[in-house]
Amino acid sequence: MHRATSNLHRAPNGGLVFIDNEAGLVHGYRLLSMWDKYNEPLLRSVCIFREATAQRVRELHRLQNAASELLRLYRTHEPLSGRLGFLSEQQAQLLQGRIDFVHKHILHCKAMATSL
């Protein structure tokens, strides 16, 4: 990478925690083309996922409802959600596409593990 990151930290249990302290989820969509050249190769290099994460990705893929589920959680947990914006339809489709991409990669990892 060409720049350091100040929003990726290691949790006490060793996990990585991404702190989104910029303009939120929508800001990330504007920067997507800049970071995808790193994100996809990084994902393809990893085949270790928490079972709960893999199950949730599988469910979001099966139901094809990532944006509506995110909106439900957003409205439930963000007191200012009524005054703030949300994803556009294009961003919602992009989010679902990324969930589907991760789901496909997890299936690939499982197939690789069973062939060993």
N, C-alpha and C. Protein backbone atom coordinates (compact mmCIF):
# COMPACT_ATOMS: atom_id res chain seq x y z
N MET A 1 0.84 -1.18 0.00
CA MET A 1 0.00 0.00 0.00
C MET A 1 0.88 1.24 0.00
N HIS A 2 0.36 2.29 -0.57
CA HIS A 2 1.11 3.53 -0.68
C HIS A 2 0.95 4.47 0.51
N ARG A 3 -0.09 4.23 1.32
CA ARG A 3 -0.34 5.11 2.45
C ARG A 3 -0.58 4.27 3.70
N ALA A 4 -0.26 4.85 4.84
CA ALA A 4 -0.55 4.20 6.11
C ALA A 4 -2.03 4.31 6.41
N THR A 5 -2.50 3.45 7.28
CA THR A 5 -3.89 3.52 7.70
C THR A 5 -3.94 3.86 9.19
N SER A 6 -4.89 4.67 9.57
CA SER A 6 -5.03 5.03 10.98
C SER A 6 -6.32 4.49 11.56
N ASN A 7 -7.06 3.72 10.78
CA ASN A 7 -8.35 3.26 11.27
C ASN A 7 -8.48 1.73 11.28
N LEU A 8 -7.36 1.03 11.29
CA LEU A 8 -7.35 -0.41 11.42
C LEU A 8 -6.55 -0.73 12.67
N HIS A 9 -7.21 -1.35 13.63
CA HIS A 9 -6.58 -1.62 14.92
C HIS A 9 -6.73 -3.09 15.28
N ARG A 10 -5.86 -3.56 16.15
CA ARG A 10 -5.93 -4.93 16.62
C ARG A 10 -6.70 -4.94 17.95
N ALA A 11 -7.72 -5.78 18.04
CA ALA A 11 -8.52 -5.92 19.26
C ALA A 11 -7.74 -6.76 20.27
N PRO A 12 -8.12 -6.70 21.53
CA PRO A 12 -7.43 -7.50 22.55
C PRO A 12 -7.41 -9.00 22.24
N ASN A 13 -8.43 -9.49 21.53
CA ASN A 13 -8.46 -10.91 21.19
C ASN A 13 -7.66 -11.23 19.93
N GLY A 14 -6.99 -10.23 19.35
CA GLY A 14 -6.17 -10.44 18.16
C GLY A 14 -6.88 -10.14 16.85
N GLY A 15 -8.19 -9.96 16.87
CA GLY A 15 -8.93 -9.65 15.65
C GLY A 15 -8.64 -8.24 15.18
N LEU A 16 -8.90 -8.01 13.90
CA LEU A 16 -8.73 -6.67 13.34
C LEU A 16 -10.05 -5.92 13.41
N VAL A 17 -9.98 -4.65 13.79
CA VAL A 17 -11.18 -3.81 13.91
C VAL A 17 -10.99 -2.60 13.02
N PHE A 18 -11.94 -2.40 12.11
CA PHE A 18 -11.93 -1.24 11.23
C PHE A 18 -12.77 -0.15 11.88
N ILE A 19 -12.17 0.99 12.13
CA ILE A 19 -12.86 2.13 12.72
C ILE A 19 -13.22 3.09 11.60
N ASP A 20 -14.51 3.24 11.33
CA ASP A 20 -14.95 4.14 10.27
C ASP A 20 -15.22 5.50 10.88
N ASN A 21 -14.20 6.34 10.88
CA ASN A 21 -14.34 7.65 11.50
C ASN A 21 -14.36 8.77 10.46
N GLU A 22 -14.69 8.41 9.24
CA GLU A 22 -14.78 9.42 8.19
C GLU A 22 -16.25 9.77 8.00
N ALA A 23 -16.71 9.80 6.79
CA ALA A 23 -18.08 10.23 6.51
C ALA A 23 -19.06 9.07 6.48
N GLY A 24 -18.64 7.91 6.91
CA GLY A 24 -19.54 6.78 7.00
C GLY A 24 -19.51 5.88 5.78
N LEU A 25 -20.46 4.96 5.75
CA LEU A 25 -20.53 3.93 4.73
C LEU A 25 -20.57 4.50 3.31
N VAL A 26 -21.35 5.53 3.10
CA VAL A 26 -21.52 6.07 1.74
C VAL A 26 -20.21 6.65 1.22
N HIS A 27 -19.42 7.25 2.09
CA HIS A 27 -18.11 7.78 1.69
C HIS A 27 -17.24 6.68 1.09
N GLY A 28 -17.32 5.49 1.66
CA GLY A 28 -16.54 4.37 1.16
C GLY A 28 -16.87 4.00 -0.28
N TYR A 29 -18.09 4.19 -0.70
CA TYR A 29 -18.47 3.87 -2.07
C TYR A 29 -17.80 4.81 -3.07
N ARG A 30 -17.58 6.06 -2.66
CA ARG A 30 -16.89 7.00 -3.55
C ARG A 30 -15.43 6.61 -3.74
N LEU A 31 -14.85 5.96 -2.75
CA LEU A 31 -13.44 5.59 -2.79
C LEU A 31 -13.22 4.15 -3.26
N LEU A 32 -14.28 3.46 -3.57
CA LEU A 32 -14.20 2.04 -3.88
C LEU A 32 -13.21 1.72 -5.00
N SER A 33 -13.24 2.48 -6.07
CA SER A 33 -12.36 2.17 -7.19
C SER A 33 -10.89 2.31 -6.80
N MET A 34 -10.61 3.20 -5.86
CA MET A 34 -9.23 3.38 -5.43
C MET A 34 -8.75 2.19 -4.59
N TRP A 35 -9.63 1.58 -3.81
CA TRP A 35 -9.22 0.53 -2.88
C TRP A 35 -9.48 -0.88 -3.39
N ASP A 36 -10.34 -1.07 -4.39
CA ASP A 36 -10.64 -2.42 -4.86
C ASP A 36 -9.41 -3.16 -5.36
N LYS A 37 -8.46 -2.45 -5.90
CA LYS A 37 -7.26 -3.14 -6.38
C LYS A 37 -6.49 -3.79 -5.23
N TYR A 38 -6.75 -3.36 -4.00
CA TYR A 38 -6.17 -3.99 -2.81
C TYR A 38 -7.14 -4.98 -2.17
N ASN A 39 -8.43 -4.61 -2.12
CA ASN A 39 -9.42 -5.41 -1.40
C ASN A 39 -9.59 -6.81 -1.98
N GLU A 40 -9.78 -6.91 -3.28
CA GLU A 40 -10.05 -8.21 -3.87
C GLU A 40 -8.85 -9.16 -3.79
N PRO A 41 -7.64 -8.72 -4.13
CA PRO A 41 -6.50 -9.64 -3.95
C PRO A 41 -6.30 -10.06 -2.49
N LEU A 42 -6.55 -9.14 -1.56
CA LEU A 42 -6.43 -9.48 -0.14
C LEU A 42 -7.45 -10.55 0.23
N LEU A 43 -8.70 -10.36 -0.18
CA LEU A 43 -9.72 -11.36 0.11
C LEU A 43 -9.34 -12.71 -0.49
N ARG A 44 -8.88 -12.72 -1.72
CA ARG A 44 -8.52 -13.97 -2.39
C ARG A 44 -7.34 -14.68 -1.71
N SER A 45 -6.58 -13.94 -0.93
CA SER A 45 -5.42 -14.55 -0.25
C SER A 45 -5.78 -15.14 1.11
N VAL A 46 -7.02 -14.98 1.53
CA VAL A 46 -7.44 -15.42 2.85
C VAL A 46 -8.57 -16.44 2.72
N CYS A 47 -8.44 -17.54 3.44
CA CYS A 47 -9.51 -18.53 3.46
C CYS A 47 -9.86 -18.92 4.89
N ILE A 48 -9.79 -17.97 5.79
CA ILE A 48 -10.15 -18.20 7.18
C ILE A 48 -11.24 -17.20 7.54
N PHE A 49 -12.41 -17.74 7.89
CA PHE A 49 -13.56 -16.91 8.25
C PHE A 49 -14.18 -17.46 9.52
N ARG A 50 -14.63 -16.59 10.39
CA ARG A 50 -15.40 -17.04 11.55
C ARG A 50 -16.66 -17.71 11.03
N GLU A 51 -17.06 -18.78 11.68
CA GLU A 51 -18.26 -19.50 11.24
C GLU A 51 -19.48 -18.60 11.26
N ALA A 52 -19.60 -17.75 12.29
CA ALA A 52 -20.76 -16.84 12.36
C ALA A 52 -20.75 -15.86 11.20
N THR A 53 -19.57 -15.39 10.80
CA THR A 53 -19.47 -14.47 9.67
C THR A 53 -19.87 -15.18 8.38
N ALA A 54 -19.36 -16.39 8.19
CA ALA A 54 -19.69 -17.16 6.98
C ALA A 54 -21.20 -17.44 6.91
N GLN A 55 -21.80 -17.76 8.06
CA GLN A 55 -23.24 -18.01 8.08
C GLN A 55 -24.03 -16.76 7.73
N ARG A 56 -23.61 -15.62 8.26
CA ARG A 56 -24.33 -14.37 7.99
C ARG A 56 -24.19 -13.97 6.52
N VAL A 57 -23.00 -14.13 5.96
CA VAL A 57 -22.80 -13.84 4.54
C VAL A 57 -23.68 -14.77 3.70
N ARG A 58 -23.72 -16.06 4.08
CA ARG A 58 -24.56 -17.02 3.35
C ARG A 58 -26.02 -16.60 3.40
N GLU A 59 -26.49 -16.17 4.58
CA GLU A 59 -27.88 -15.74 4.73
C GLU A 59 -28.18 -14.49 3.90
N LEU A 60 -27.29 -13.51 3.95
CA LEU A 60 -27.49 -12.28 3.16
C LEU A 60 -27.46 -12.58 1.66
N HIS A 61 -26.65 -13.53 1.26
CA HIS A 61 -26.61 -13.94 -0.15
C HIS A 61 -27.92 -14.64 -0.52
N ARG A 62 -28.35 -15.57 0.31
CA ARG A 62 -29.56 -16.35 0.02
C ARG A 62 -30.79 -15.45 -0.05
N LEU A 63 -30.91 -14.51 0.89
CA LEU A 63 -32.09 -13.65 0.95
C LEU A 63 -32.00 -12.45 0.00
N GLN A 64 -30.78 -12.13 -0.47
CA GLN A 64 -30.59 -10.98 -1.36
C GLN A 64 -31.18 -9.71 -0.75
N ASN A 65 -30.89 -9.50 0.56
CA ASN A 65 -31.49 -8.36 1.26
C ASN A 65 -30.48 -7.57 2.08
N ALA A 66 -29.23 -7.51 1.65
CA ALA A 66 -28.20 -6.84 2.45
C ALA A 66 -28.56 -5.39 2.74
N ALA A 67 -29.00 -4.65 1.75
CA ALA A 67 -29.31 -3.23 1.97
C ALA A 67 -30.51 -3.05 2.89
N SER A 68 -31.55 -3.84 2.73
CA SER A 68 -32.72 -3.68 3.60
C SER A 68 -32.40 -4.10 5.02
N GLU A 69 -31.56 -5.11 5.20
CA GLU A 69 -31.14 -5.51 6.54
C GLU A 69 -30.28 -4.43 7.18
N LEU A 70 -29.37 -3.85 6.39
CA LEU A 70 -28.56 -2.75 6.89
C LEU A 70 -29.43 -1.56 7.28
N LEU A 71 -30.42 -1.25 6.45
CA LEU A 71 -31.34 -0.15 6.75
C LEU A 71 -32.11 -0.42 8.05
N ARG A 72 -32.56 -1.65 8.23
CA ARG A 72 -33.28 -2.01 9.46
C ARG A 72 -32.39 -1.78 10.69
N LEU A 73 -31.16 -2.26 10.62
CA LEU A 73 -30.22 -2.09 11.74
C LEU A 73 -29.89 -0.61 11.97
N TYR A 74 -29.72 0.10 10.88
CA TYR A 74 -29.42 1.54 10.94
C TYR A 74 -30.54 2.30 11.64
N ARG A 75 -31.76 2.03 11.25
CA ARG A 75 -32.90 2.73 11.87
C ARG A 75 -33.09 2.32 13.33
N THR A 76 -32.75 1.08 13.64
CA THR A 76 -32.89 0.59 15.01
C THR A 76 -31.84 1.18 15.95
N HIS A 77 -30.61 1.33 15.46
CA HIS A 77 -29.50 1.68 16.34
C HIS A 77 -28.95 3.09 16.16
N GLU A 78 -29.35 3.80 15.14
CA GLU A 78 -28.83 5.17 14.93
C GLU A 78 -29.93 6.18 15.22
N PRO A 79 -29.80 6.92 16.31
CA PRO A 79 -30.84 7.89 16.67
C PRO A 79 -31.06 8.97 15.62
N LEU A 80 -30.07 9.28 14.82
CA LEU A 80 -30.20 10.33 13.81
C LEU A 80 -30.59 9.80 12.43
N SER A 81 -30.95 8.54 12.36
CA SER A 81 -31.23 7.95 11.04
C SER A 81 -32.34 8.68 10.29
N GLY A 82 -33.29 9.23 11.00
CA GLY A 82 -34.38 9.96 10.36
C GLY A 82 -33.92 11.23 9.67
N ARG A 83 -32.81 11.78 10.10
CA ARG A 83 -32.28 13.02 9.52
C ARG A 83 -31.13 12.79 8.55
N LEU A 84 -30.59 11.59 8.58
CA LEU A 84 -29.43 11.29 7.73
C LEU A 84 -29.86 10.49 6.51
N GLY A 85 -29.05 10.49 5.51
CA GLY A 85 -29.35 9.75 4.29
C GLY A 85 -29.02 8.27 4.42
N PHE A 86 -29.26 7.56 3.35
CA PHE A 86 -28.95 6.13 3.29
C PHE A 86 -28.41 5.83 1.90
N LEU A 87 -28.20 4.59 1.61
CA LEU A 87 -27.65 4.18 0.33
C LEU A 87 -28.61 4.46 -0.81
N SER A 88 -28.05 4.83 -1.95
CA SER A 88 -28.86 4.92 -3.17
C SER A 88 -29.14 3.50 -3.66
N GLU A 89 -30.02 3.36 -4.61
CA GLU A 89 -30.31 2.03 -5.18
C GLU A 89 -29.04 1.44 -5.80
N GLN A 90 -28.26 2.26 -6.47
CA GLN A 90 -27.01 1.78 -7.08
C GLN A 90 -26.04 1.28 -6.00
N GLN A 91 -25.92 2.00 -4.90
CA GLN A 91 -25.04 1.59 -3.81
C GLN A 91 -25.57 0.32 -3.14
N ALA A 92 -26.89 0.20 -3.02
CA ALA A 92 -27.49 -1.00 -2.44
C ALA A 92 -27.18 -2.22 -3.31
N GLN A 93 -27.25 -2.06 -4.61
CA GLN A 93 -26.92 -3.17 -5.52
C GLN A 93 -25.44 -3.52 -5.44
N LEU A 94 -24.60 -2.52 -5.31
CA LEU A 94 -23.17 -2.75 -5.17
C LEU A 94 -22.87 -3.50 -3.87
N LEU A 95 -23.53 -3.11 -2.78
CA LEU A 95 -23.37 -3.81 -1.51
C LEU A 95 -23.75 -5.28 -1.66
N GLN A 96 -24.89 -5.55 -2.27
CA GLN A 96 -25.32 -6.94 -2.45
C GLN A 96 -24.33 -7.70 -3.33
N GLY A 97 -23.84 -7.05 -4.35
CA GLY A 97 -22.85 -7.69 -5.22
C GLY A 97 -21.58 -8.06 -4.47
N ARG A 98 -21.17 -7.21 -3.55
CA ARG A 98 -19.97 -7.50 -2.76
C ARG A 98 -20.23 -8.64 -1.78
N ILE A 99 -21.43 -8.70 -1.20
CA ILE A 99 -21.81 -9.83 -0.34
C ILE A 99 -21.77 -11.11 -1.16
N ASP A 100 -22.32 -11.07 -2.36
CA ASP A 100 -22.34 -12.25 -3.23
C ASP A 100 -20.92 -12.68 -3.61
N PHE A 101 -20.03 -11.73 -3.84
CA PHE A 101 -18.64 -12.02 -4.16
C PHE A 101 -17.95 -12.73 -2.99
N VAL A 102 -18.16 -12.22 -1.78
CA VAL A 102 -17.56 -12.85 -0.59
C VAL A 102 -18.14 -14.24 -0.40
N HIS A 103 -19.45 -14.40 -0.61
CA HIS A 103 -20.08 -15.72 -0.48
C HIS A 103 -19.45 -16.72 -1.45
N LYS A 104 -19.26 -16.30 -2.67
CA LYS A 104 -18.64 -17.18 -3.67
C LYS A 104 -17.21 -17.55 -3.24
N HIS A 105 -16.48 -16.61 -2.68
CA HIS A 105 -15.13 -16.89 -2.23
C HIS A 105 -15.14 -17.87 -1.06
N ILE A 106 -16.07 -17.72 -0.13
CA ILE A 106 -16.17 -18.65 0.99
C ILE A 106 -16.46 -20.06 0.48
N LEU A 107 -17.34 -20.19 -0.50
CA LEU A 107 -17.61 -21.50 -1.09
C LEU A 107 -16.35 -22.08 -1.73
N HIS A 108 -15.58 -21.25 -2.40
CA HIS A 108 -14.31 -21.69 -2.99
C HIS A 108 -13.37 -22.20 -1.90
N CYS A 109 -13.28 -21.47 -0.80
CA CYS A 109 -12.42 -21.88 0.31
C CYS A 109 -12.86 -23.22 0.88
N LYS A 110 -14.17 -23.40 1.05
CA LYS A 110 -14.68 -24.68 1.57
C LYS A 110 -14.35 -25.82 0.63
N ALA A 111 -14.48 -25.57 -0.66
CA ALA A 111 -14.15 -26.62 -1.64
C ALA A 111 -12.67 -26.97 -1.58
N MET A 112 -11.83 -25.97 -1.42
CA MET A 112 -10.39 -26.21 -1.32
C MET A 112 -10.07 -27.02 -0.06
N ALA A 113 -10.75 -26.71 1.04
CA ALA A 113 -10.49 -27.40 2.30
C ALA A 113 -10.93 -28.86 2.24
N THR A 114 -12.04 -29.14 1.57
CA THR A 114 -12.51 -30.52 1.49
C THR A 114 -11.69 -31.35 0.52
N SER A 115 -10.98 -30.70 -0.39
CA SER A 115 -10.17 -31.46 -1.34
C SER A 115 -8.78 -31.81 -0.80
N LEU A 116 -8.46 -31.30 0.40
CA LEU A 116 -7.15 -31.60 1.00
C LEU A 116 -7.09 -32.98 1.59
